[in-house]
Amino acid sequence: MTDSADTALEAAGLGKQFGRRGGWALRDCSFRLPAGRVCAVVGPNGAGKSTLLALTAGLLAPTEGTVTVLGTDPAAARTRVGFVAQDKPLYPQLTVTETLRMGADLNPARWDARAAERIVTTGDLDPHKRIRALSGGQRTRVALALALGKRPELLLLDEPMADLDPLARHEVMGLLMGQAALHGTTIVMSSHVIAELEESCDHLLLVGGGRVRLAGELDELLEAHLRVSVPADTPLEPHTVVESRTTGRQLSALIRPAGPLPAGWRTGPPSLEELLLAHLRNPEAPALSPAGPAKTPENIA
């Protein structure tokens, strides 16, 4: 049994199917996210990232398996969780001030007016302007202000900064990291901007084809892999090969070493981008997650 005080989010065999005959958006997902982490959720469009966040927020019910949030079920944890969805749902007829007042009224015991107002004021938003008159980036700031004003223990962000310009992204990311440092907030954030994630996140969930491909501490996942360059006829067994390419007489590969490597092999650590792209290009590569043994297509069918 996992200590719930040390765990922000835990999934066991989690799956979601849409419709009786519909496809599975997620299937057999198992992982654990320790509390206090800043977790990147990465994967191509349609991989199941938004479904995973919606299940965690309690907006969807799983078809199979379980998801535990802050030691309880998602519905019971809802007051302790902040969620910013891709479409940033807000009431268009309200002004910015009225929207923040609504947030305070809905969260009287936990509302942090200073945190909410800081996000709005740093964006030079007119507090009397209606939501429907705001740009996409301005609506993003208001949605983030509502989520952070709630002072959540777990903050779920689905592509939160896609509408922001580079300077605004930098400012908002700084605010999020400050929130995590000051209050110990666990942040789960999906994004396609790898450089942004590499600078701020310490935990990784790579989702592909509705399954968790990688899960764990970012440094540990990177350390578990190596880039190698060897003559083209060199056998790579018994090491786990994530991706390999032959160019002329040279074989380049990303592997998970199963033991010491021969002295003549040229090796180097992969970048985060190299790690992610190799696993996404090769969905049949064995998954890696501390939740259980590596899974191959044969034993997950």
C-alpha atoms as a PDB file:
ATOM      1  CA  MET A   1       0.000   0.000   0.000  1.00  0.00           C
ATOM      2  CA  THR A   2       1.410   3.390  -1.007  1.00  0.00           C
ATOM      3  CA  ASP A   3       1.593   6.106   1.651  1.00  0.00           C
ATOM      4  CA  SER A   4      -1.081   8.572   0.515  1.00  0.00           C
ATOM      5  CA  ALA A   5       0.693  11.487   2.216  1.00  0.00           C
ATOM      6  CA  ASP A   6       3.648  11.004  -0.126  1.00  0.00           C
ATOM      7  CA  THR A   7       1.572  10.418  -3.274  1.00  0.00           C
ATOM      8  CA  ALA A   8      -0.275  13.062  -5.259  1.00  0.00           C
ATOM      9  CA  LEU A   9      -1.594  10.806  -7.997  1.00  0.00           C
ATOM     10  CA  GLU A  10      -1.682   7.059  -8.548  1.00  0.00           C
ATOM     11  CA  ALA A  11      -3.240   5.033 -11.375  1.00  0.00           C
ATOM     12  CA  ALA A  12      -3.708   1.261 -11.473  1.00  0.00           C
ATOM     13  CA  GLY A  13      -4.846  -0.380 -14.704  1.00  0.00           C
ATOM     14  CA  LEU A  14      -6.599   2.871 -15.624  1.00  0.00           C
ATOM     15  CA  GLY A  15      -8.557   2.885 -18.874  1.00  0.00           C
ATOM     16  CA  LYS A  16     -11.191   4.991 -20.622  1.00  0.00           C
ATOM     17  CA  GLN A  17     -13.352   3.929 -23.547  1.00  0.00           C
ATOM     18  CA  PHE A  18     -15.750   6.334 -25.227  1.00  0.00           C
ATOM     19  CA  GLY A  19     -18.981   4.589 -26.212  1.00  0.00           C
ATOM     20  CA  ARG A  20     -19.731   0.879 -26.074  1.00  0.00           C
ATOM     21  CA  ARG A  21     -18.018   0.314 -29.392  1.00  0.00           C
ATOM     22  CA  GLY A  22     -15.694   3.275 -29.318  1.00  0.00           C
ATOM     23  CA  GLY A  23     -11.931   3.183 -29.142  1.00  0.00           C
ATOM     24  CA  TRP A  24      -9.882   3.293 -25.963  1.00  0.00           C
ATOM     25  CA  ALA A  25      -8.442   6.728 -25.229  1.00  0.00           C
ATOM     26  CA  LEU A  26      -6.405   5.158 -22.414  1.00  0.00           C
ATOM     27  CA  ARG A  27      -5.732   1.517 -21.557  1.00  0.00           C
ATOM     28  CA  ASP A  28      -3.898  -0.264 -18.753  1.00  0.00           C
ATOM     29  CA  CYS A  29      -2.171   2.848 -17.380  1.00  0.00           C
ATOM     30  CA  SER A  30      -0.336   2.367 -14.099  1.00  0.00           C
ATOM     31  CA  PHE A  31       1.997   4.891 -12.476  1.00  0.00           C
ATOM     32  CA  ARG A  32       2.618   6.827  -9.268  1.00  0.00           C
ATOM     33  CA  LEU A  33       3.395  10.537  -8.964  1.00  0.00           C
ATOM     34  CA  PRO A  34       5.004  11.556  -5.648  1.00  0.00           C
ATOM     35  CA  ALA A  35       3.704  14.701  -3.981  1.00  0.00           C
ATOM     36  CA  GLY A  36       5.537  17.966  -4.602  1.00  0.00           C
ATOM     37  CA  ARG A  37       6.734  17.118  -8.105  1.00  0.00           C
ATOM     38  CA  VAL A  38       6.391  19.171 -11.286  1.00  0.00           C
ATOM     39  CA  CYS A  39       5.374  16.540 -13.818  1.00  0.00           C
ATOM     40  CA  ALA A  40       5.441  16.863 -17.599  1.00  0.00           C
ATOM     41  CA  VAL A  41       2.821  14.891 -19.530  1.00  0.00           C
ATOM     42  CA  VAL A  42       4.117  14.478 -23.059  1.00  0.00           C
ATOM     43  CA  GLY A  43       2.803  12.729 -26.141  1.00  0.00           C
ATOM     44  CA  PRO A  44       1.448  13.323 -29.652  1.00  0.00           C
ATOM     45  CA  ASN A  45      -2.028  14.677 -30.325  1.00  0.00           C
ATOM     46  CA  GLY A  46      -4.622  12.015 -29.574  1.00  0.00           C
ATOM     47  CA  ALA A  47      -2.304  10.078 -27.251  1.00  0.00           C
ATOM     48  CA  GLY A  48      -4.686  10.325 -24.275  1.00  0.00           C
ATOM     49  CA  LYS A  49      -3.104  13.197 -22.318  1.00  0.00           C
ATOM     50  CA  SER A  50      -6.292  15.266 -22.017  1.00  0.00           C
ATOM     51  CA  THR A  51      -8.309  12.173 -21.092  1.00  0.00           C
ATOM     52  CA  LEU A  52      -5.832  11.348 -18.324  1.00  0.00           C
ATOM     53  CA  LEU A  53      -6.063  14.866 -16.887  1.00  0.00           C
ATOM     54  CA  ALA A  54      -9.876  14.860 -17.104  1.00  0.00           C
ATOM     55  CA  LEU A  55     -10.004  11.517 -15.251  1.00  0.00           C
ATOM     56  CA  THR A  56      -7.717  12.939 -12.580  1.00  0.00           C
ATOM     57  CA  ALA A  57      -9.884  16.045 -12.239  1.00  0.00           C
ATOM     58  CA  GLY A  58     -12.994  13.880 -11.821  1.00  0.00           C
ATOM     59  CA  LEU A  59     -14.607  15.187 -15.006  1.00  0.00           C
ATOM     60  CA  LEU A  60     -14.652  11.687 -16.517  1.00  0.00           C
ATOM     61  CA  ALA A  61     -15.236   8.293 -14.914  1.00  0.00           C
ATOM     62  CA  PRO A  62     -12.838   5.465 -15.790  1.00  0.00           C
ATOM     63  CA  THR A  63     -14.069   2.486 -17.780  1.00  0.00           C
ATOM     64  CA  GLU A  64     -11.619   0.233 -15.990  1.00  0.00           C
ATOM     65  CA  GLY A  65      -9.022   0.510 -13.262  1.00  0.00           C
ATOM     66  CA  THR A  66      -8.666   3.251 -10.670  1.00  0.00           C
ATOM     67  CA  VAL A  67      -7.109   6.654 -10.194  1.00  0.00           C
ATOM     68  CA  THR A  68      -6.392   7.946  -6.690  1.00  0.00           C
ATOM     69  CA  VAL A  69      -5.916  11.683  -6.162  1.00  0.00           C
ATOM     70  CA  LEU A  70      -4.353  13.014  -2.956  1.00  0.00           C
ATOM     71  CA  GLY A  71      -5.166   9.733  -1.223  1.00  0.00           C
ATOM     72  CA  THR A  72      -8.831   9.623  -2.182  1.00  0.00           C
ATOM     73  CA  ASP A  73     -11.087   9.439  -5.230  1.00  0.00           C
ATOM     74  CA  PRO A  74     -11.141  12.395  -7.667  1.00  0.00           C
ATOM     75  CA  ALA A  75     -14.604  13.612  -6.621  1.00  0.00           C
ATOM     76  CA  ALA A  76     -13.651  13.799  -2.943  1.00  0.00           C
ATOM     77  CA  ALA A  77     -10.392  15.623  -3.785  1.00  0.00           C
ATOM     78  CA  ARG A  78     -12.000  18.214  -6.066  1.00  0.00           C
ATOM     79  CA  THR A  79     -11.754  21.133  -3.630  1.00  0.00           C
ATOM     80  CA  ARG A  80      -7.993  20.506  -3.341  1.00  0.00           C
ATOM     81  CA  VAL A  81      -7.370  20.282  -7.090  1.00  0.00           C
ATOM     82  CA  GLY A  82      -7.054  23.067  -9.664  1.00  0.00           C
ATOM     83  CA  PHE A  83      -7.619  22.307 -13.341  1.00  0.00           C
ATOM     84  CA  VAL A  84      -7.078  24.408 -16.452  1.00  0.00           C
ATOM     85  CA  ALA A  85      -8.456  22.675 -19.547  1.00  0.00           C
ATOM     86  CA  GLN A  86      -7.345  23.340 -23.115  1.00  0.00           C
ATOM     87  CA  ASP A  87     -10.491  25.286 -23.987  1.00  0.00           C
ATOM     88  CA  LYS A  88     -10.251  27.471 -20.820  1.00  0.00           C
ATOM     89  CA  PRO A  89     -14.015  27.436 -20.031  1.00  0.00           C
ATOM     90  CA  LEU A  90     -15.042  30.779 -18.523  1.00  0.00           C
ATOM     91  CA  TYR A  91     -18.298  32.750 -18.345  1.00  0.00           C
ATOM     92  CA  PRO A  92     -18.023  35.170 -21.302  1.00  0.00           C
ATOM     93  CA  GLN A  93     -20.483  37.730 -19.892  1.00  0.00           C
ATOM     94  CA  LEU A  94     -18.526  38.282 -16.669  1.00  0.00           C
ATOM     95  CA  THR A  95     -15.742  40.823 -16.262  1.00  0.00           C
ATOM     96  CA  VAL A  96     -12.283  39.854 -15.048  1.00  0.00           C
ATOM     97  CA  THR A  97     -13.079  41.228 -11.576  1.00  0.00           C
ATOM     98  CA  GLU A  98     -16.398  39.398 -11.447  1.00  0.00           C
ATOM     99  CA  THR A  99     -14.699  36.159 -12.482  1.00  0.00           C
ATOM    100  CA  LEU A 100     -12.161  36.400  -9.677  1.00  0.00           C
ATOM    101  CA  ARG A 101     -14.913  37.315  -7.211  1.00  0.00           C
ATOM    102  CA  MET A 102     -16.771  34.185  -8.315  1.00  0.00           C
ATOM    103  CA  GLY A 103     -13.635  32.155  -7.637  1.00  0.00           C
ATOM    104  CA  ALA A 104     -13.416  33.616  -4.141  1.00  0.00           C
ATOM    105  CA  ASP A 105     -17.098  32.858  -3.459  1.00  0.00           C
ATOM    106  CA  LEU A 106     -16.716  29.248  -4.618  1.00  0.00           C
ATOM    107  CA  ASN A 107     -13.569  28.682  -2.550  1.00  0.00           C
ATOM    108  CA  PRO A 108     -14.102  30.723   0.642  1.00  0.00           C
ATOM    109  CA  ALA A 109     -11.831  28.602   2.829  1.00  0.00           C
ATOM    110  CA  ARG A 110      -8.824  28.435   0.490  1.00  0.00           C
ATOM    111  CA  TRP A 111      -8.958  31.487  -1.784  1.00  0.00           C
ATOM    112  CA  ASP A 112      -5.661  33.317  -2.266  1.00  0.00           C
ATOM    113  CA  ALA A 113      -6.643  36.694  -3.715  1.00  0.00           C
ATOM    114  CA  ARG A 114      -3.052  37.912  -3.940  1.00  0.00           C
ATOM    115  CA  ALA A 115      -1.954  34.967  -6.098  1.00  0.00           C
ATOM    116  CA  ALA A 116      -4.943  35.350  -8.414  1.00  0.00           C
ATOM    117  CA  GLU A 117      -4.581  39.102  -8.803  1.00  0.00           C
ATOM    118  CA  ARG A 118      -0.848  38.854  -9.448  1.00  0.00           C
ATOM    119  CA  ILE A 119      -1.381  36.734 -12.563  1.00  0.00           C
ATOM    120  CA  VAL A 120      -3.979  39.170 -13.860  1.00  0.00           C
ATOM    121  CA  THR A 121      -2.064  42.368 -13.102  1.00  0.00           C
ATOM    122  CA  THR A 122       1.224  41.146 -14.614  1.00  0.00           C
ATOM    123  CA  GLY A 123      -0.692  40.681 -17.860  1.00  0.00           C
ATOM    124  CA  ASP A 124      -1.946  44.293 -17.853  1.00  0.00           C
ATOM    125  CA  LEU A 125      -5.557  43.110 -18.016  1.00  0.00           C
ATOM    126  CA  ASP A 126      -8.370  45.633 -17.651  1.00  0.00           C
ATOM    127  CA  PRO A 127     -10.281  44.300 -14.610  1.00  0.00           C
ATOM    128  CA  HIS A 128     -13.536  45.720 -15.989  1.00  0.00           C
ATOM    129  CA  LYS A 129     -13.242  44.028 -19.379  1.00  0.00           C
ATOM    130  CA  ARG A 130     -15.595  41.154 -20.131  1.00  0.00           C
ATOM    131  CA  ILE A 131     -14.160  37.703 -20.750  1.00  0.00           C
ATOM    132  CA  ARG A 132     -15.632  37.554 -24.262  1.00  0.00           C
ATOM    133  CA  ALA A 133     -13.607  40.651 -25.227  1.00  0.00           C
ATOM    134  CA  LEU A 134     -10.264  39.146 -24.145  1.00  0.00           C
ATOM    135  CA  SER A 135      -7.683  37.560 -26.423  1.00  0.00           C
ATOM    136  CA  GLY A 136      -6.839  33.877 -26.106  1.00  0.00           C
ATOM    137  CA  GLY A 137      -3.717  34.637 -24.097  1.00  0.00           C
ATOM    138  CA  GLN A 138      -5.629  36.952 -21.750  1.00  0.00           C
ATOM    139  CA  ARG A 139      -8.283  34.285 -21.148  1.00  0.00           C
ATOM    140  CA  THR A 140      -5.479  31.870 -20.325  1.00  0.00           C
ATOM    141  CA  ARG A 141      -4.229  34.256 -17.633  1.00  0.00           C
ATOM    142  CA  VAL A 142      -7.703  34.515 -16.096  1.00  0.00           C
ATOM    143  CA  ALA A 143      -8.110  30.713 -16.101  1.00  0.00           C
ATOM    144  CA  LEU A 144      -4.711  30.309 -14.436  1.00  0.00           C
ATOM    145  CA  ALA A 145      -5.623  32.991 -11.903  1.00  0.00           C
ATOM    146  CA  LEU A 146      -8.747  31.046 -10.951  1.00  0.00           C
ATOM    147  CA  ALA A 147      -6.796  27.812 -10.617  1.00  0.00           C
ATOM    148  CA  LEU A 148      -3.954  29.280  -8.538  1.00  0.00           C
ATOM    149  CA  GLY A 149      -6.284  31.418  -6.432  1.00  0.00           C
ATOM    150  CA  LYS A 150      -7.835  28.185  -5.228  1.00  0.00           C
ATOM    151  CA  ARG A 151      -4.448  27.379  -3.582  1.00  0.00           C
ATOM    152  CA  PRO A 152      -4.614  23.784  -4.854  1.00  0.00           C
ATOM    153  CA  GLU A 153      -2.514  20.918  -3.554  1.00  0.00           C
ATOM    154  CA  LEU A 154      -2.566  19.442  -7.068  1.00  0.00           C
ATOM    155  CA  LEU A 155      -2.628  21.677 -10.156  1.00  0.00           C
ATOM    156  CA  LEU A 156      -3.559  20.088 -13.514  1.00  0.00           C
ATOM    157  CA  LEU A 157      -2.697  22.081 -16.633  1.00  0.00           C
ATOM    158  CA  ASP A 158      -3.660  20.887 -20.128  1.00  0.00           C
ATOM    159  CA  GLU A 159      -1.521  22.791 -22.657  1.00  0.00           C
ATOM    160  CA  PRO A 160      -1.822  25.841 -20.393  1.00  0.00           C
ATOM    161  CA  MET A 161       0.369  28.294 -22.274  1.00  0.00           C
ATOM    162  CA  ALA A 162      -0.314  27.519 -25.920  1.00  0.00           C
ATOM    163  CA  ASP A 163      -1.963  30.959 -26.337  1.00  0.00           C
ATOM    164  CA  LEU A 164       0.805  32.948 -24.640  1.00  0.00           C
ATOM    165  CA  ASP A 165       3.685  34.740 -26.331  1.00  0.00           C
ATOM    166  CA  PRO A 166       7.247  33.749 -25.312  1.00  0.00           C
ATOM    167  CA  LEU A 167       7.633  36.526 -22.731  1.00  0.00           C
ATOM    168  CA  ALA A 168       4.274  35.745 -21.129  1.00  0.00           C
ATOM    169  CA  ARG A 169       5.119  32.027 -21.099  1.00  0.00           C
ATOM    170  CA  HIS A 170       8.325  32.792 -19.218  1.00  0.00           C
ATOM    171  CA  GLU A 171       6.502  34.991 -16.689  1.00  0.00           C
ATOM    172  CA  VAL A 172       3.699  32.502 -16.084  1.00  0.00           C
ATOM    173  CA  MET A 173       6.111  29.583 -15.796  1.00  0.00           C
ATOM    174  CA  GLY A 174       7.989  31.550 -13.146  1.00  0.00           C
ATOM    175  CA  LEU A 175       4.748  32.066 -11.226  1.00  0.00           C
ATOM    176  CA  LEU A 176       3.953  28.369 -11.411  1.00  0.00           C
ATOM    177  CA  MET A 177       7.398  27.367 -10.189  1.00  0.00           C
ATOM    178  CA  GLY A 178       7.095  29.897  -7.384  1.00  0.00           C
ATOM    179  CA  GLN A 179       3.780  28.334  -6.386  1.00  0.00           C
ATOM    180  CA  ALA A 180       5.333  24.884  -6.345  1.00  0.00           C
ATOM    181  CA  ALA A 181       8.278  26.070  -4.232  1.00  0.00           C
ATOM    182  CA  LEU A 182       6.266  28.169  -1.786  1.00  0.00           C
ATOM    183  CA  HIS A 183       3.346  25.821  -1.129  1.00  0.00           C
ATOM    184  CA  GLY A 184       4.691  22.426  -2.194  1.00  0.00           C
ATOM    185  CA  THR A 185       2.060  22.274  -4.922  1.00  0.00           C
ATOM    186  CA  THR A 186       2.206  19.240  -7.189  1.00  0.00           C
ATOM    187  CA  ILE A 187       1.905  20.382 -10.814  1.00  0.00           C
ATOM    188  CA  VAL A 188       0.968  18.110 -13.720  1.00  0.00           C
ATOM    189  CA  MET A 189       1.360  19.909 -17.035  1.00  0.00           C
ATOM    190  CA  SER A 190       0.969  18.724 -20.612  1.00  0.00           C
ATOM    191  CA  SER A 191       2.944  20.582 -23.241  1.00  0.00           C
ATOM    192  CA  HIS A 192       4.598  20.158 -26.632  1.00  0.00           C
ATOM    193  CA  VAL A 193       7.408  22.619 -25.831  1.00  0.00           C
ATOM    194  CA  ILE A 194      10.199  20.300 -24.721  1.00  0.00           C
ATOM    195  CA  ALA A 195      12.663  23.059 -23.788  1.00  0.00           C
ATOM    196  CA  GLU A 196      10.047  24.546 -21.473  1.00  0.00           C
ATOM    197  CA  LEU A 197       9.537  21.204 -19.749  1.00  0.00           C
ATOM    198  CA  GLU A 198      13.228  20.402 -19.461  1.00  0.00           C
ATOM    199  CA  GLU A 199      13.869  23.614 -17.542  1.00  0.00           C
ATOM    200  CA  SER A 200      11.008  23.260 -15.076  1.00  0.00           C
ATOM    201  CA  CYS A 201       9.897  19.635 -14.634  1.00  0.00           C
ATOM    202  CA  ASP A 202      11.438  16.905 -12.500  1.00  0.00           C
ATOM    203  CA  HIS A 203       9.031  14.058 -13.313  1.00  0.00           C
ATOM    204  CA  LEU A 204       7.850  12.649 -16.641  1.00  0.00           C
ATOM    205  CA  LEU A 205       4.845  10.812 -18.026  1.00  0.00           C
ATOM    206  CA  LEU A 206       5.180   9.921 -21.701  1.00  0.00           C
ATOM    207  CA  VAL A 207       1.852   8.815 -23.167  1.00  0.00           C
ATOM    208  CA  GLY A 208       1.575   7.215 -26.573  1.00  0.00           C
ATOM    209  CA  GLY A 209      -1.245   5.265 -28.163  1.00  0.00           C
ATOM    210  CA  GLY A 210      -3.310   5.509 -24.986  1.00  0.00           C
ATOM    211  CA  ARG A 211      -0.619   3.859 -22.832  1.00  0.00           C
ATOM    212  CA  VAL A 212       2.052   5.130 -20.471  1.00  0.00           C
ATOM    213  CA  ARG A 213       5.387   4.592 -22.221  1.00  0.00           C
ATOM    214  CA  LEU A 214       7.664   6.192 -19.611  1.00  0.00           C
ATOM    215  CA  ALA A 215       6.959   7.221 -16.030  1.00  0.00           C
ATOM    216  CA  GLY A 216       9.324   8.345 -13.324  1.00  0.00           C
ATOM    217  CA  GLU A 217      11.834  10.922 -12.159  1.00  0.00           C
ATOM    218  CA  LEU A 218      13.213  12.759 -15.178  1.00  0.00           C
ATOM    219  CA  ASP A 219      16.864  12.416 -14.154  1.00  0.00           C
ATOM    220  CA  GLU A 220      16.458   8.692 -13.472  1.00  0.00           C
ATOM    221  CA  LEU A 221      14.796   8.065 -16.837  1.00  0.00           C
ATOM    222  CA  LEU A 222      17.565   9.912 -18.644  1.00  0.00           C
ATOM    223  CA  GLU A 223      20.237   8.034 -16.679  1.00  0.00           C
ATOM    224  CA  ALA A 224      18.599   4.705 -17.579  1.00  0.00           C
ATOM    225  CA  HIS A 225      19.257   5.341 -21.294  1.00  0.00           C
ATOM    226  CA  LEU A 226      22.419   5.767 -23.340  1.00  0.00           C
ATOM    227  CA  ARG A 227      23.210   6.839 -26.881  1.00  0.00           C
ATOM    228  CA  VAL A 228      25.714   4.449 -28.445  1.00  0.00           C
ATOM    229  CA  SER A 229      27.632   4.501 -31.726  1.00  0.00           C
ATOM    230  CA  VAL A 230      29.224   1.256 -32.942  1.00  0.00           C
ATOM    231  CA  PRO A 231      30.175  -0.495 -36.207  1.00  0.00           C
ATOM    232  CA  ALA A 232      27.094  -1.513 -38.188  1.00  0.00           C
ATOM    233  CA  ASP A 233      27.488  -5.272 -37.611  1.00  0.00           C
ATOM    234  CA  THR A 234      27.734  -4.974 -33.804  1.00  0.00           C
ATOM    235  CA  PRO A 235      25.068  -6.966 -31.894  1.00  0.00           C
ATOM    236  CA  LEU A 236      23.275  -4.892 -29.243  1.00  0.00           C
ATOM    237  CA  GLU A 237      21.920  -7.775 -27.178  1.00  0.00           C
ATOM    238  CA  PRO A 238      21.283  -8.199 -24.274  1.00  0.00           C
ATOM    239  CA  HIS A 239      20.601  -4.473 -23.980  1.00  0.00           C
ATOM    240  CA  THR A 240      17.085  -3.076 -24.510  1.00  0.00           C
ATOM    241  CA  VAL A 241      17.038  -1.224 -27.828  1.00  0.00           C
ATOM    242  CA  VAL A 242      14.601   1.684 -27.973  1.00  0.00           C
ATOM    243  CA  GLU A 243      15.703   2.903 -31.416  1.00  0.00           C
ATOM    244  CA  SER A 244      18.524   2.088 -33.818  1.00  0.00           C
ATOM    245  CA  ARG A 245      19.629   3.494 -37.167  1.00  0.00           C
ATOM    246  CA  THR A 246      22.346   2.379 -39.546  1.00  0.00           C
ATOM    247  CA  THR A 247      24.153   4.943 -41.669  1.00  0.00           C
ATOM    248  CA  GLY A 248      26.837   3.473 -43.891  1.00  0.00           C
ATOM    249  CA  ARG A 249      29.121   1.483 -41.620  1.00  0.00           C
ATOM    250  CA  GLN A 250      27.889   3.087 -38.412  1.00  0.00           C
ATOM    251  CA  LEU A 251      25.072   1.983 -36.103  1.00  0.00           C
ATOM    252  CA  SER A 252      23.578   4.581 -33.768  1.00  0.00           C
ATOM    253  CA  ALA A 253      21.113   3.521 -31.110  1.00  0.00           C
ATOM    254  CA  LEU A 254      19.336   4.560 -27.940  1.00  0.00           C
ATOM    255  CA  ILE A 255      19.485   1.704 -25.453  1.00  0.00           C
ATOM    256  CA  ARG A 256      18.772   0.809 -21.850  1.00  0.00           C
ATOM    257  CA  PRO A 257      21.946  -0.993 -20.784  1.00  0.00           C
ATOM    258  CA  ALA A 258      21.516  -4.426 -19.189  1.00  0.00           C
ATOM    259  CA  GLY A 259      25.075  -4.377 -17.850  1.00  0.00           C
ATOM    260  CA  PRO A 260      28.572  -3.066 -18.596  1.00  0.00           C
ATOM    261  CA  LEU A 261      29.262  -2.007 -22.182  1.00  0.00           C
ATOM    262  CA  PRO A 262      32.326  -2.993 -24.235  1.00  0.00           C
ATOM    263  CA  ALA A 263      35.194  -0.535 -23.939  1.00  0.00           C
ATOM    264  CA  GLY A 264      35.196   0.268 -27.645  1.00  0.00           C
ATOM    265  CA  TRP A 265      31.613   1.562 -27.766  1.00  0.00           C
ATOM    266  CA  ARG A 266      31.186   5.315 -28.052  1.00  0.00           C
ATOM    267  CA  THR A 267      28.484   6.408 -25.630  1.00  0.00           C
ATOM    268  CA  GLY A 268      26.800   9.574 -24.398  1.00  0.00           C
ATOM    269  CA  PRO A 269      23.753  10.641 -22.412  1.00  0.00           C
ATOM    270  CA  PRO A 270      20.590  11.413 -24.404  1.00  0.00           C
ATOM    271  CA  SER A 271      18.866  14.760 -24.273  1.00  0.00           C
ATOM    272  CA  LEU A 272      15.240  14.876 -23.184  1.00  0.00           C
ATOM    273  CA  GLU A 273      14.194  15.496 -26.776  1.00  0.00           C
ATOM    274  CA  GLU A 274      16.168  12.474 -28.011  1.00  0.00           C
ATOM    275  CA  LEU A 275      14.627  10.288 -25.322  1.00  0.00           C
ATOM    276  CA  LEU A 276      11.065  11.364 -26.070  1.00  0.00           C
ATOM    277  CA  LEU A 277      11.325  11.199 -29.840  1.00  0.00           C
ATOM    278  CA  ALA A 278      12.944   7.753 -29.789  1.00  0.00           C
ATOM    279  CA  HIS A 279      10.117   6.303 -27.702  1.00  0.00           C
ATOM    280  CA  LEU A 280       7.409   8.052 -29.720  1.00  0.00           C
ATOM    281  CA  ARG A 281       8.873   6.847 -33.035  1.00  0.00           C
ATOM    282  CA  ASN A 282       9.055   3.297 -31.720  1.00  0.00           C
ATOM    283  CA  PRO A 283       5.832   2.480 -29.827  1.00  0.00           C
ATOM    284  CA  GLU A 284       6.797  -1.220 -29.634  1.00  0.00           C
ATOM    285  CA  ALA A 285       9.840  -0.450 -27.479  1.00  0.00           C
ATOM    286  CA  PRO A 286       9.328  -1.830 -23.941  1.00  0.00           C
ATOM    287  CA  ALA A 287       7.803   0.705 -21.581  1.00  0.00           C
ATOM    288  CA  LEU A 288       9.598   1.822 -18.435  1.00  0.00           C
ATOM    289  CA  SER A 289       7.732   2.654 -15.252  1.00  0.00           C
ATOM    290  CA  PRO A 290       8.439   2.084 -11.555  1.00  0.00           C
ATOM    291  CA  ALA A 291       4.816   0.928 -11.237  1.00  0.00           C
ATOM    292  CA  GLY A 292       5.734  -2.473 -12.590  1.00  0.00           C
ATOM    293  CA  PRO A 293       7.887  -4.479 -14.981  1.00  0.00           C
ATOM    294  CA  ALA A 294       8.530  -3.284 -18.501  1.00  0.00           C
ATOM    295  CA  LYS A 295       5.677  -4.186 -20.816  1.00  0.00           C
ATOM    296  CA  THR A 296       5.944  -5.294 -24.388  1.00  0.00           C
ATOM    297  CA  PRO A 297       3.199  -5.558 -27.014  1.00  0.00           C
ATOM    298  CA  GLU A 298       3.027  -9.311 -26.367  1.00  0.00           C
ATOM    299  CA  ASN A 299       2.091  -9.053 -22.698  1.00  0.00           C
ATOM    300  CA  ILE A 300      -0.284  -6.091 -22.926  1.00  0.00           C
ATOM    301  CA  ALA A 301      -2.448  -7.441 -25.723  1.00  0.00           C
END
